[in-house]
């Protein structure tokens, strides 16, 4: 199984390297369109290779997806926490009941070896 994992990681690395080599051209990212930015006095931009922009977009998409899923599953984690607390409370109550109660004579007869 580890061979398959290393094979997959090697293929992924190869694809990412090929993608980076194919998209080396430089692009300028701007917050606003150029004409609007100049009229508002904000015409700056960031110049990066295209593959960096692609990788950053993928990473940002993954981050947004992870946070979204974590927020979506909050109700399930809260329910599990509530059930775990209830289970622990019931186990403590059962242990206390077993410590206080007298042994049952019928069960004691069944437990004795013959």
Protein backbone atom coordinates (compact mmCIF):
# COMPACT_ATOMS: atom_id res chain seq x y z
CA UNK A 1 0.00 0.00 0.00
CA UNK A 2 2.88 2.39 0.69
CA UNK A 3 4.18 1.72 -2.83
CA UNK A 4 0.89 2.94 -4.29
CA UNK A 5 1.02 6.03 -2.06
CA UNK A 6 4.57 6.86 -3.21
CA UNK A 7 3.59 6.24 -6.82
CA UNK A 8 0.63 8.61 -6.47
CA UNK A 9 2.76 11.28 -4.79
CA UNK A 10 5.40 10.94 -7.51
CA UNK A 11 2.78 11.31 -10.25
CA UNK A 12 1.29 14.32 -8.48
CA UNK A 13 4.71 15.94 -8.16
CA UNK A 14 5.39 15.29 -11.84
CA UNK A 15 2.07 16.83 -12.90
CA UNK A 16 2.65 19.89 -10.70
CA UNK A 17 6.17 20.39 -12.07
CA UNK A 18 4.93 20.10 -15.65
CA UNK A 19 2.12 22.56 -14.85
CA UNK A 20 4.61 25.00 -13.34
CA UNK A 21 6.97 24.74 -16.31
CA UNK A 22 4.14 25.23 -18.80
CA UNK A 23 2.83 28.34 -16.99
CA UNK A 24 5.96 30.37 -16.27
CA UNK A 25 4.71 33.56 -17.88
CA UNK A 26 4.32 36.55 -15.58
CA UNK A 27 0.86 37.97 -14.85
CA UNK A 28 -0.20 41.03 -12.89
CA UNK A 29 -2.96 40.69 -10.33
CA UNK A 30 -4.93 43.81 -9.54
CA UNK A 31 -7.68 44.37 -7.00
CA UNK A 32 -9.62 46.66 -9.40
CA UNK A 33 -9.64 46.94 -13.20
CA UNK A 34 -6.79 49.14 -14.41
CA UNK A 35 -8.90 52.11 -15.58
CA UNK A 36 -11.07 52.14 -12.45
CA UNK A 37 -8.05 51.77 -10.19
CA UNK A 38 -6.26 54.70 -11.82
CA UNK A 39 -9.34 56.94 -11.55
CA UNK A 40 -9.70 56.09 -7.84
CA UNK A 41 -5.98 56.52 -7.19
CA UNK A 42 -5.32 52.85 -6.55
CA UNK A 43 -3.49 51.33 -9.50
CA UNK A 44 -1.09 48.95 -7.82
CA UNK A 45 -0.86 45.30 -8.60
CA UNK A 46 1.21 42.23 -7.82
CA UNK A 47 3.28 40.55 -10.52
CA UNK A 48 3.65 36.78 -10.14
CA UNK A 49 4.29 33.77 -12.37
CA UNK A 50 1.04 32.16 -13.51
CA UNK A 51 1.77 28.81 -11.83
CA UNK A 52 2.08 30.58 -8.45
CA UNK A 53 -1.34 32.14 -9.01
CA UNK A 54 -2.78 28.72 -9.92
CA UNK A 55 -1.24 27.02 -6.86
CA UNK A 56 -2.40 29.83 -4.55
CA UNK A 57 -5.93 29.56 -5.97
CA UNK A 58 -5.96 25.80 -5.35
CA UNK A 59 -4.64 26.26 -1.79
CA UNK A 60 -7.18 28.99 -1.05
CA UNK A 61 -9.99 26.81 -2.40
CA UNK A 62 -8.89 23.90 -0.20
CA UNK A 63 -8.70 26.16 2.84
CA UNK A 64 -12.17 27.57 2.23
CA UNK A 65 -13.52 24.04 1.73
CA UNK A 66 -11.94 22.76 4.95
CA UNK A 67 -13.29 25.67 6.99
CA UNK A 68 -16.74 25.32 5.41
CA UNK A 69 -16.85 21.60 6.21
CA UNK A 70 -15.61 22.17 9.76
CA UNK A 71 -18.39 24.72 10.33
CA UNK A 72 -20.98 22.44 8.73
CA UNK A 73 -20.06 19.53 11.00
CA UNK A 74 -20.32 21.61 14.19
CA UNK A 75 -23.77 20.23 15.02
CA UNK A 76 -22.50 16.64 14.74
CA UNK A 77 -19.54 17.33 17.04
CA UNK A 78 -21.82 19.07 19.56
CA UNK A 79 -24.22 16.11 19.53
CA UNK A 80 -21.35 13.65 20.03
CA UNK A 81 -20.02 15.74 22.93
CA UNK A 82 -23.49 15.75 24.54
CA UNK A 83 -23.88 11.99 24.12
CA UNK A 84 -20.41 11.35 25.52
CA UNK A 85 -21.17 13.46 28.60
CA UNK A 86 -24.48 11.63 29.08
CA UNK A 87 -22.75 8.25 28.75
CA UNK A 88 -20.13 9.19 31.34
CA UNK A 89 -22.85 10.45 33.70
CA UNK A 90 -24.81 7.20 33.32
CA UNK A 91 -21.69 5.07 33.86
CA UNK A 92 -20.92 6.94 37.09
CA UNK A 93 -24.53 6.51 38.23
CA UNK A 94 -24.41 2.79 37.44
CA UNK A 95 -21.13 2.34 39.31
CA UNK A 96 -22.58 4.15 42.32
CA UNK A 97 -25.72 1.98 42.21
CA UNK A 98 -23.67 -1.21 42.01
CA UNK A 99 -21.51 -0.13 44.94
CA UNK A 100 -24.52 0.69 47.13
CA UNK A 101 -26.81 -2.24 46.27
CA UNK A 102 -26.65 -5.52 48.13
CA UNK A 103 -25.59 -8.59 46.17
CA UNK A 104 -28.49 -10.58 44.78
CA UNK A 105 -28.77 -14.04 46.39
CA UNK A 106 -29.92 -15.74 43.19
CA UNK A 107 -27.03 -14.31 41.19
CA UNK A 108 -24.62 -15.24 43.98
CA UNK A 109 -25.85 -18.85 43.77
CA UNK A 110 -25.34 -18.88 40.03
CA UNK A 111 -21.83 -17.43 40.32
CA UNK A 112 -20.58 -19.99 42.86
CA UNK A 113 -18.55 -22.81 41.34
CA UNK A 114 -19.80 -26.35 41.80
